[in-house]
Amino acid sequence: MFSKTRVTEPGPRQQPAAETETTPTRSFDTTPSYEAPSAPAPRQRGTPSVLSADLIVTGNIKTAGDVQIEGTVEGDIRAHQLIVGETATIKGEIVADEIVVNGRVVGRVRGLKVRLTATARVEGDIVHKTIAIESGAHFEGSVQRQDDPLQNASMAKLAPPRTSSSDAE
């Protein structure tokens, strides 16, 4: 990097052998190291978003990821995996691939895999592909098995209400 030899002197510039071994060379890159992501990073499975026990949400929640609810939600929830904690209260429809209920749900439950633990309190219908209800769970409503309960949930909301011919006249 630095030498005591003058640059203007004729002839090749040489450094002693011992100096080349101990002197590290550094290069500096002036390009910025930060690049803005072109798309959001995919959510890691196994790391759910947690809504704490002191949180009250009024409105719908929709995510492609996993959610763990410990607080109160007044609205519908749609997620990949939903865990309803022991301190949670949900008033609305919940739709997810996997649902584990430890707390209270007032409304319809739709999922491929639905599990009610011993501390679960569900007041509403359950539409499922597979279900497990532990001893001690409290459930009031009907249970219906469907091959694809998630497809029927989205179709029911998109379909216009039917009117019979006697209503139209």
N, C-alpha and C. Protein backbone atom coordinates (compact mmCIF):
# COMPACT_ATOMS: atom_id res chain seq x y z
N MET A 1 0.81 -1.17 0.00
CA MET A 1 0.00 0.00 0.00
C MET A 1 0.87 1.25 0.00
N PHE A 2 1.70 1.44 1.00
CA PHE A 2 2.59 2.59 1.05
C PHE A 2 4.03 2.09 0.93
N SER A 3 4.81 2.89 0.32
CA SER A 3 6.20 2.52 0.14
C SER A 3 7.05 3.75 0.35
N LYS A 4 8.27 3.54 0.81
CA LYS A 4 9.18 4.66 0.99
C LYS A 4 9.81 5.05 -0.34
N THR A 5 9.66 4.22 -1.33
CA THR A 5 10.23 4.51 -2.64
C THR A 5 9.39 5.56 -3.33
N ARG A 6 10.04 6.41 -4.01
CA ARG A 6 9.32 7.47 -4.72
C ARG A 6 8.75 6.91 -6.01
N VAL A 7 7.58 7.37 -6.35
CA VAL A 7 6.91 6.89 -7.55
C VAL A 7 7.64 7.37 -8.80
N THR A 8 8.26 8.49 -8.71
CA THR A 8 8.90 9.06 -9.90
C THR A 8 10.24 8.42 -10.20
N GLU A 9 10.78 7.58 -9.31
CA GLU A 9 12.06 6.94 -9.57
C GLU A 9 11.90 5.89 -10.64
N PRO A 10 12.85 5.78 -11.53
CA PRO A 10 12.78 4.77 -12.59
C PRO A 10 13.02 3.37 -12.02
N GLY A 11 12.48 2.39 -12.72
CA GLY A 11 12.72 1.01 -12.33
C GLY A 11 11.52 0.42 -11.60
N PRO A 12 11.50 -0.91 -11.51
CA PRO A 12 10.37 -1.57 -10.86
C PRO A 12 10.41 -1.35 -9.35
N ARG A 13 9.27 -1.26 -8.79
CA ARG A 13 9.13 -1.07 -7.36
C ARG A 13 8.99 -2.43 -6.70
N GLN A 14 9.78 -2.73 -5.71
CA GLN A 14 9.74 -4.02 -5.04
C GLN A 14 9.67 -3.80 -3.54
N GLN A 15 8.96 -4.71 -2.90
CA GLN A 15 8.88 -4.67 -1.44
C GLN A 15 9.62 -5.87 -0.89
N PRO A 16 10.14 -5.74 0.30
CA PRO A 16 10.82 -6.90 0.89
C PRO A 16 9.84 -8.05 1.09
N ALA A 17 10.32 -9.28 1.06
CA ALA A 17 9.48 -10.47 1.17
C ALA A 17 8.75 -10.53 2.51
N ALA A 18 9.39 -10.15 3.59
CA ALA A 18 8.76 -10.20 4.90
C ALA A 18 7.59 -9.24 4.97
N GLU A 19 7.68 -8.12 4.30
CA GLU A 19 6.62 -7.11 4.34
C GLU A 19 5.37 -7.58 3.58
N THR A 20 5.55 -8.29 2.49
CA THR A 20 4.39 -8.75 1.72
C THR A 20 3.60 -9.81 2.47
N GLU A 21 4.24 -10.59 3.31
CA GLU A 21 3.53 -11.62 4.05
C GLU A 21 2.73 -11.05 5.20
N THR A 22 3.19 -9.98 5.82
CA THR A 22 2.51 -9.46 7.00
C THR A 22 1.57 -8.31 6.71
N THR A 23 1.67 -7.69 5.55
CA THR A 23 0.83 -6.56 5.24
C THR A 23 -0.42 -7.03 4.52
N PRO A 24 -1.59 -6.92 5.16
CA PRO A 24 -2.82 -7.34 4.47
C PRO A 24 -3.20 -6.33 3.42
N THR A 25 -3.78 -6.82 2.35
CA THR A 25 -4.28 -5.92 1.32
C THR A 25 -5.78 -5.78 1.49
N ARG A 26 -6.27 -4.61 1.27
CA ARG A 26 -7.70 -4.35 1.41
C ARG A 26 -8.24 -3.75 0.12
N SER A 27 -9.42 -4.18 -0.21
CA SER A 27 -10.09 -3.56 -1.35
C SER A 27 -11.40 -3.00 -0.86
N PHE A 28 -11.77 -1.89 -1.36
CA PHE A 28 -13.00 -1.23 -0.94
C PHE A 28 -13.99 -1.22 -2.09
N ASP A 29 -15.18 -1.67 -1.78
CA ASP A 29 -16.25 -1.68 -2.77
C ASP A 29 -17.15 -0.49 -2.47
N THR A 30 -17.36 0.33 -3.45
CA THR A 30 -18.18 1.53 -3.23
C THR A 30 -19.65 1.32 -3.58
N THR A 31 -20.00 0.12 -4.03
CA THR A 31 -21.41 -0.13 -4.32
C THR A 31 -22.15 -0.38 -3.02
N PRO A 32 -23.40 0.07 -2.92
CA PRO A 32 -24.14 -0.13 -1.67
C PRO A 32 -24.41 -1.62 -1.43
N SER A 33 -24.32 -2.03 -0.17
CA SER A 33 -24.52 -3.44 0.15
C SER A 33 -25.99 -3.79 0.32
N TYR A 34 -26.87 -2.79 0.47
CA TYR A 34 -28.30 -3.04 0.67
C TYR A 34 -29.01 -3.06 -0.67
N GLU A 35 -29.79 -4.09 -0.89
CA GLU A 35 -30.65 -4.14 -2.07
C GLU A 35 -32.08 -4.32 -1.60
N ALA A 36 -32.98 -3.51 -2.10
CA ALA A 36 -34.38 -3.61 -1.71
C ALA A 36 -34.97 -4.91 -2.24
N PRO A 37 -35.71 -5.63 -1.42
CA PRO A 37 -36.31 -6.87 -1.90
C PRO A 37 -37.37 -6.59 -2.95
N SER A 38 -37.41 -7.44 -3.96
CA SER A 38 -38.39 -7.25 -5.03
C SER A 38 -39.78 -7.72 -4.59
N ALA A 39 -39.83 -8.70 -3.71
CA ALA A 39 -41.11 -9.21 -3.21
C ALA A 39 -40.93 -9.55 -1.74
N PRO A 40 -42.01 -9.55 -0.98
CA PRO A 40 -41.88 -9.89 0.42
C PRO A 40 -41.39 -11.32 0.60
N ALA A 41 -40.58 -11.52 1.60
CA ALA A 41 -40.05 -12.86 1.86
C ALA A 41 -41.18 -13.77 2.32
N PRO A 42 -41.16 -15.03 1.89
CA PRO A 42 -42.22 -15.94 2.33
C PRO A 42 -42.13 -16.17 3.83
N ARG A 43 -43.28 -16.32 4.44
CA ARG A 43 -43.35 -16.50 5.89
C ARG A 43 -42.83 -17.87 6.27
N GLN A 44 -42.02 -17.91 7.30
CA GLN A 44 -41.49 -19.17 7.78
C GLN A 44 -42.58 -19.93 8.53
N ARG A 45 -42.76 -21.18 8.22
CA ARG A 45 -43.71 -22.00 8.95
C ARG A 45 -43.13 -22.28 10.33
N GLY A 46 -44.01 -22.39 11.30
CA GLY A 46 -43.57 -22.65 12.65
C GLY A 46 -43.37 -21.39 13.48
N THR A 47 -43.49 -20.22 12.87
CA THR A 47 -43.39 -18.96 13.60
C THR A 47 -44.70 -18.22 13.42
N PRO A 48 -45.68 -18.49 14.27
CA PRO A 48 -46.97 -17.83 14.07
C PRO A 48 -46.96 -16.38 14.55
N SER A 49 -47.85 -15.59 13.98
CA SER A 49 -48.11 -14.25 14.51
C SER A 49 -48.95 -14.43 15.76
N VAL A 50 -48.59 -13.73 16.83
CA VAL A 50 -49.28 -13.91 18.10
C VAL A 50 -50.01 -12.63 18.46
N LEU A 51 -51.31 -12.75 18.74
CA LEU A 51 -52.11 -11.64 19.24
C LEU A 51 -52.26 -11.87 20.73
N SER A 52 -51.66 -11.01 21.54
CA SER A 52 -51.56 -11.24 22.98
C SER A 52 -52.91 -11.14 23.70
N ALA A 53 -52.93 -11.57 24.95
CA ALA A 53 -54.16 -11.67 25.74
C ALA A 53 -54.80 -10.31 26.00
N ASP A 54 -54.03 -9.23 26.01
CA ASP A 54 -54.60 -7.91 26.28
C ASP A 54 -55.08 -7.20 25.01
N LEU A 55 -55.04 -7.88 23.87
CA LEU A 55 -55.41 -7.27 22.60
C LEU A 55 -56.85 -7.60 22.24
N ILE A 56 -57.61 -6.57 21.82
CA ILE A 56 -58.99 -6.75 21.35
C ILE A 56 -59.04 -6.27 19.91
N VAL A 57 -59.43 -7.16 19.01
CA VAL A 57 -59.51 -6.83 17.59
C VAL A 57 -60.98 -6.86 17.18
N THR A 58 -61.42 -5.75 16.56
CA THR A 58 -62.77 -5.70 16.01
C THR A 58 -62.61 -5.60 14.50
N GLY A 59 -62.92 -6.67 13.80
CA GLY A 59 -62.75 -6.72 12.35
C GLY A 59 -62.21 -8.08 11.95
N ASN A 60 -62.12 -8.27 10.65
CA ASN A 60 -61.69 -9.56 10.10
C ASN A 60 -60.17 -9.63 10.02
N ILE A 61 -59.65 -10.84 10.15
CA ILE A 61 -58.22 -11.11 10.02
C ILE A 61 -58.05 -12.12 8.91
N LYS A 62 -57.14 -11.82 7.96
CA LYS A 62 -56.89 -12.73 6.84
C LYS A 62 -55.40 -12.79 6.61
N THR A 63 -54.84 -14.01 6.61
CA THR A 63 -53.42 -14.20 6.36
C THR A 63 -53.19 -15.56 5.72
N ALA A 64 -52.09 -15.68 4.99
CA ALA A 64 -51.69 -16.96 4.43
C ALA A 64 -50.78 -17.70 5.41
N GLY A 65 -50.41 -17.04 6.50
CA GLY A 65 -49.52 -17.62 7.49
C GLY A 65 -50.25 -18.25 8.65
N ASP A 66 -49.51 -18.40 9.75
CA ASP A 66 -50.03 -19.02 10.96
C ASP A 66 -50.32 -17.94 11.99
N VAL A 67 -51.38 -18.14 12.77
CA VAL A 67 -51.79 -17.16 13.78
C VAL A 67 -52.09 -17.87 15.09
N GLN A 68 -51.67 -17.25 16.17
CA GLN A 68 -52.03 -17.72 17.50
C GLN A 68 -52.74 -16.58 18.20
N ILE A 69 -54.00 -16.81 18.58
CA ILE A 69 -54.82 -15.78 19.22
C ILE A 69 -54.86 -16.06 20.72
N GLU A 70 -54.52 -15.07 21.50
CA GLU A 70 -54.64 -15.18 22.96
C GLU A 70 -55.65 -14.16 23.49
N GLY A 71 -55.98 -13.14 22.68
CA GLY A 71 -56.90 -12.08 23.09
C GLY A 71 -58.30 -12.32 22.57
N THR A 72 -59.01 -11.21 22.29
CA THR A 72 -60.40 -11.25 21.83
C THR A 72 -60.48 -10.76 20.40
N VAL A 73 -61.19 -11.48 19.56
CA VAL A 73 -61.42 -11.09 18.18
C VAL A 73 -62.91 -11.12 17.91
N GLU A 74 -63.45 -10.00 17.46
CA GLU A 74 -64.85 -9.94 17.04
C GLU A 74 -64.85 -9.75 15.53
N GLY A 75 -64.86 -10.85 14.81
CA GLY A 75 -64.81 -10.84 13.36
C GLY A 75 -64.35 -12.20 12.87
N ASP A 76 -64.33 -12.35 11.56
CA ASP A 76 -63.95 -13.62 10.95
C ASP A 76 -62.43 -13.71 10.84
N ILE A 77 -61.92 -14.94 10.92
CA ILE A 77 -60.48 -15.17 10.80
C ILE A 77 -60.25 -16.23 9.73
N ARG A 78 -59.31 -15.95 8.83
CA ARG A 78 -58.90 -16.91 7.80
C ARG A 78 -57.38 -16.98 7.83
N ALA A 79 -56.85 -18.21 7.98
CA ALA A 79 -55.40 -18.39 8.09
C ALA A 79 -55.01 -19.78 7.60
N HIS A 80 -53.71 -20.02 7.54
CA HIS A 80 -53.24 -21.36 7.21
C HIS A 80 -53.40 -22.26 8.43
N GLN A 81 -52.81 -21.83 9.55
CA GLN A 81 -52.97 -22.56 10.80
C GLN A 81 -53.42 -21.56 11.86
N LEU A 82 -54.42 -21.94 12.64
CA LEU A 82 -54.95 -21.06 13.68
C LEU A 82 -54.95 -21.79 15.00
N ILE A 83 -54.33 -21.16 15.99
CA ILE A 83 -54.34 -21.69 17.35
C ILE A 83 -55.10 -20.69 18.22
N VAL A 84 -56.18 -21.15 18.82
CA VAL A 84 -56.98 -20.33 19.72
C VAL A 84 -56.50 -20.66 21.13
N GLY A 85 -55.84 -19.69 21.76
CA GLY A 85 -55.28 -19.91 23.09
C GLY A 85 -56.34 -20.04 24.17
N GLU A 86 -55.93 -20.49 25.36
CA GLU A 86 -56.86 -20.71 26.46
C GLU A 86 -57.55 -19.42 26.90
N THR A 87 -56.88 -18.28 26.78
CA THR A 87 -57.46 -17.01 27.21
C THR A 87 -58.22 -16.31 26.09
N ALA A 88 -58.27 -16.91 24.90
CA ALA A 88 -58.86 -16.26 23.73
C ALA A 88 -60.37 -16.43 23.66
N THR A 89 -61.01 -15.41 23.07
CA THR A 89 -62.43 -15.48 22.74
C THR A 89 -62.58 -14.98 21.32
N ILE A 90 -63.19 -15.77 20.47
CA ILE A 90 -63.41 -15.39 19.08
C ILE A 90 -64.90 -15.43 18.81
N LYS A 91 -65.43 -14.30 18.33
CA LYS A 91 -66.84 -14.22 17.96
C LYS A 91 -66.90 -13.98 16.46
N GLY A 92 -67.04 -15.06 15.71
CA GLY A 92 -67.06 -14.98 14.25
C GLY A 92 -66.67 -16.32 13.67
N GLU A 93 -66.67 -16.40 12.35
CA GLU A 93 -66.31 -17.65 11.67
C GLU A 93 -64.80 -17.76 11.57
N ILE A 94 -64.28 -18.96 11.80
CA ILE A 94 -62.85 -19.20 11.60
C ILE A 94 -62.68 -20.27 10.53
N VAL A 95 -61.76 -19.99 9.60
CA VAL A 95 -61.49 -20.88 8.47
C VAL A 95 -59.98 -21.04 8.38
N ALA A 96 -59.50 -22.28 8.42
CA ALA A 96 -58.06 -22.54 8.31
C ALA A 96 -57.83 -23.98 7.92
N ASP A 97 -56.62 -24.24 7.42
CA ASP A 97 -56.26 -25.63 7.12
C ASP A 97 -56.21 -26.44 8.40
N GLU A 98 -55.54 -25.88 9.42
CA GLU A 98 -55.44 -26.56 10.71
C GLU A 98 -55.94 -25.62 11.79
N ILE A 99 -56.81 -26.11 12.65
CA ILE A 99 -57.36 -25.30 13.74
C ILE A 99 -57.22 -26.09 15.04
N VAL A 100 -56.63 -25.43 16.04
CA VAL A 100 -56.55 -26.00 17.38
C VAL A 100 -57.24 -25.02 18.30
N VAL A 101 -58.30 -25.48 18.98
CA VAL A 101 -59.06 -24.61 19.87
C VAL A 101 -58.78 -25.01 21.31
N ASN A 102 -58.19 -24.06 22.05
CA ASN A 102 -57.97 -24.23 23.48
C ASN A 102 -58.90 -23.32 24.28
N GLY A 103 -59.39 -22.26 23.64
CA GLY A 103 -60.22 -21.26 24.30
C GLY A 103 -61.65 -21.30 23.82
N ARG A 104 -62.26 -20.11 23.68
CA ARG A 104 -63.70 -20.01 23.37
C ARG A 104 -63.91 -19.50 21.95
N VAL A 105 -64.81 -20.15 21.22
CA VAL A 105 -65.20 -19.73 19.88
C VAL A 105 -66.72 -19.70 19.83
N VAL A 106 -67.26 -18.54 19.41
CA VAL A 106 -68.70 -18.41 19.20
C VAL A 106 -68.86 -18.14 17.70
N GLY A 107 -69.20 -19.16 16.95
CA GLY A 107 -69.33 -19.03 15.51
C GLY A 107 -68.93 -20.32 14.82
N ARG A 108 -69.04 -20.32 13.51
CA ARG A 108 -68.74 -21.51 12.71
C ARG A 108 -67.24 -21.74 12.62
N VAL A 109 -66.85 -23.01 12.64
CA VAL A 109 -65.45 -23.43 12.52
C VAL A 109 -65.34 -24.29 11.28
N ARG A 110 -64.46 -23.89 10.33
CA ARG A 110 -64.25 -24.65 9.09
C ARG A 110 -62.76 -24.94 8.95
N GLY A 111 -62.42 -26.23 8.85
CA GLY A 111 -61.01 -26.57 8.71
C GLY A 111 -60.79 -27.97 8.21
N LEU A 112 -59.63 -28.18 7.59
CA LEU A 112 -59.29 -29.53 7.16
C LEU A 112 -59.03 -30.41 8.38
N LYS A 113 -58.23 -29.88 9.32
CA LYS A 113 -57.98 -30.58 10.59
C LYS A 113 -58.45 -29.69 11.71
N VAL A 114 -59.38 -30.16 12.51
CA VAL A 114 -59.91 -29.39 13.64
C VAL A 114 -59.66 -30.21 14.90
N ARG A 115 -59.10 -29.54 15.91
CA ARG A 115 -58.86 -30.21 17.19
C ARG A 115 -59.38 -29.35 18.32
N LEU A 116 -60.25 -29.91 19.14
CA LEU A 116 -60.75 -29.24 20.33
C LEU A 116 -60.06 -29.89 21.53
N THR A 117 -59.31 -29.10 22.27
CA THR A 117 -58.62 -29.64 23.44
C THR A 117 -59.57 -29.67 24.63
N ALA A 118 -59.10 -30.14 25.75
CA ALA A 118 -59.94 -30.28 26.94
C ALA A 118 -60.45 -28.95 27.47
N THR A 119 -59.75 -27.85 27.17
CA THR A 119 -60.17 -26.53 27.65
C THR A 119 -61.02 -25.77 26.64
N ALA A 120 -61.34 -26.38 25.51
CA ALA A 120 -62.08 -25.71 24.43
C ALA A 120 -63.54 -25.50 24.78
N ARG A 121 -64.10 -24.37 24.34
CA ARG A 121 -65.52 -24.04 24.47
C ARG A 121 -65.98 -23.52 23.11
N VAL A 122 -66.75 -24.31 22.38
CA VAL A 122 -67.19 -23.93 21.03
C VAL A 122 -68.71 -23.90 21.00
N GLU A 123 -69.24 -22.77 20.56
CA GLU A 123 -70.69 -22.60 20.36
C GLU A 123 -70.90 -22.28 18.89
N GLY A 124 -71.11 -23.30 18.09
CA GLY A 124 -71.30 -23.11 16.66
C GLY A 124 -71.04 -24.41 15.94
N ASP A 125 -71.33 -24.40 14.65
CA ASP A 125 -71.17 -25.60 13.84
C ASP A 125 -69.71 -25.79 13.45
N ILE A 126 -69.32 -27.04 13.29
CA ILE A 126 -67.96 -27.38 12.85
C ILE A 126 -68.07 -28.15 11.54
N VAL A 127 -67.39 -27.65 10.51
CA VAL A 127 -67.30 -28.33 9.22
C VAL A 127 -65.83 -28.70 9.06
N HIS A 128 -65.54 -29.98 8.82
CA HIS A 128 -64.17 -30.46 8.88
C HIS A 128 -63.93 -31.59 7.90
N LYS A 129 -62.66 -31.91 7.70
CA LYS A 129 -62.29 -33.14 7.01
C LYS A 129 -61.91 -34.18 8.05
N THR A 130 -61.09 -33.78 9.05
CA THR A 130 -60.80 -34.65 10.19
C THR A 130 -60.99 -33.84 11.46
N ILE A 131 -61.44 -34.50 12.52
CA ILE A 131 -61.70 -33.81 13.78
C ILE A 131 -61.24 -34.67 14.95
N ALA A 132 -60.78 -33.98 15.99
CA ALA A 132 -60.42 -34.65 17.24
C ALA A 132 -60.99 -33.80 18.38
N ILE A 133 -61.75 -34.44 19.26
CA ILE A 133 -62.33 -33.73 20.40
C ILE A 133 -61.87 -34.45 21.66
N GLU A 134 -61.08 -33.73 22.46
CA GLU A 134 -60.57 -34.32 23.69
C GLU A 134 -61.65 -34.35 24.76
N SER A 135 -61.48 -35.25 25.69
CA SER A 135 -62.39 -35.36 26.82
C SER A 135 -62.31 -34.08 27.65
N GLY A 136 -63.47 -33.51 27.96
CA GLY A 136 -63.52 -32.27 28.72
C GLY A 136 -63.87 -31.06 27.87
N ALA A 137 -63.77 -31.17 26.55
CA ALA A 137 -64.13 -30.07 25.66
C ALA A 137 -65.63 -29.83 25.69
N HIS A 138 -66.04 -28.58 25.63
CA HIS A 138 -67.45 -28.21 25.62
C HIS A 138 -67.82 -27.78 24.20
N PHE A 139 -68.85 -28.41 23.65
CA PHE A 139 -69.23 -28.13 22.27
C PHE A 139 -70.74 -28.12 22.13
N GLU A 140 -71.27 -27.04 21.57
CA GLU A 140 -72.70 -26.94 21.27
C GLU A 140 -72.85 -26.58 19.81
N GLY A 141 -73.41 -27.47 19.02
CA GLY A 141 -73.59 -27.22 17.61
C GLY A 141 -73.59 -28.53 16.86
N SER A 142 -73.50 -28.44 15.55
CA SER A 142 -73.48 -29.65 14.73
C SER A 142 -72.09 -29.85 14.15
N VAL A 143 -71.82 -31.11 13.80
CA VAL A 143 -70.55 -31.46 13.20
C VAL A 143 -70.84 -32.07 11.84
N GLN A 144 -70.15 -31.57 10.81
CA GLN A 144 -70.37 -32.08 9.46
C GLN A 144 -69.02 -32.34 8.81
N ARG A 145 -68.85 -33.53 8.25
CA ARG A 145 -67.62 -33.86 7.55
C ARG A 145 -67.78 -33.56 6.07
N GLN A 146 -66.78 -32.90 5.50
CA GLN A 146 -66.73 -32.64 4.06
C GLN A 146 -65.31 -32.91 3.57
N ASP A 147 -65.20 -33.34 2.31
CA ASP A 147 -63.86 -33.59 1.76
C ASP A 147 -63.06 -32.30 1.62
N ASP A 148 -63.72 -31.20 1.29
CA ASP A 148 -63.03 -29.92 1.16
C ASP A 148 -63.86 -28.81 1.81
N PRO A 149 -63.78 -28.70 3.13
CA PRO A 149 -64.59 -27.69 3.82
C PRO A 149 -64.16 -26.26 3.52
N LEU A 150 -62.93 -26.05 3.10
CA LEU A 150 -62.45 -24.70 2.79
C LEU A 150 -63.03 -24.19 1.49
N GLN A 151 -63.17 -25.06 0.50
CA GLN A 151 -63.75 -24.66 -0.78
C GLN A 151 -65.19 -24.23 -0.60
N ASN A 152 -65.94 -24.94 0.18
CA ASN A 152 -67.34 -24.60 0.41
C ASN A 152 -67.48 -23.29 1.17
N ALA A 153 -66.51 -22.96 2.00
CA ALA A 153 -66.57 -21.70 2.77
C ALA A 153 -66.43 -20.51 1.84
N SER A 154 -65.50 -20.59 0.88
CA SER A 154 -65.31 -19.46 -0.02
C SER A 154 -66.44 -19.36 -1.03
N MET A 155 -66.98 -20.49 -1.46
CA MET A 155 -68.07 -20.47 -2.43
C MET A 155 -69.35 -19.91 -1.82
N ALA A 156 -69.60 -20.22 -0.55
CA ALA A 156 -70.83 -19.75 0.09
C ALA A 156 -70.86 -18.24 0.20
N LYS A 157 -69.71 -17.62 0.40
CA LYS A 157 -69.68 -16.16 0.52
C LYS A 157 -69.75 -15.47 -0.84
N LEU A 158 -69.28 -16.16 -1.89
CA LEU A 158 -69.27 -15.55 -3.22
C LEU A 158 -70.58 -15.74 -3.97
N ALA A 159 -71.31 -16.78 -3.64
CA ALA A 159 -72.54 -17.08 -4.37
C ALA A 159 -73.65 -16.09 -4.00
N PRO A 160 -74.39 -15.60 -4.98
CA PRO A 160 -75.49 -14.69 -4.67
C PRO A 160 -76.63 -15.46 -3.99
N PRO A 161 -77.42 -14.80 -3.16
CA PRO A 161 -78.52 -15.49 -2.50
C PRO A 161 -79.54 -15.97 -3.53
N ARG A 162 -80.10 -17.15 -3.29
CA ARG A 162 -81.07 -17.71 -4.21
C ARG A 162 -82.47 -17.19 -3.88
N THR A 163 -83.25 -16.98 -4.91
CA THR A 163 -84.64 -16.63 -4.72
C THR A 163 -85.49 -17.66 -5.43
N SER A 164 -86.54 -18.09 -4.79
CA SER A 164 -87.42 -19.07 -5.41
C SER A 164 -88.36 -18.35 -6.36
N SER A 165 -89.04 -19.11 -7.21
CA SER A 165 -89.93 -18.50 -8.19
C SER A 165 -91.14 -17.84 -7.52
N SER A 166 -91.53 -18.35 -6.37
CA SER A 166 -92.66 -17.74 -5.68
C SER A 166 -92.26 -16.40 -5.03
N ASP A 167 -90.97 -16.23 -4.68
CA ASP A 167 -90.51 -14.97 -4.14
C ASP A 167 -90.42 -13.88 -5.19
N ALA A 168 -90.11 -14.28 -6.42
CA ALA A 168 -89.92 -13.30 -7.48
C ALA A 168 -91.25 -12.72 -7.95
N GLU A 169 -92.34 -13.42 -7.78
CA GLU A 169 -93.64 -12.94 -8.27
C GLU A 169 -94.29 -11.99 -7.35
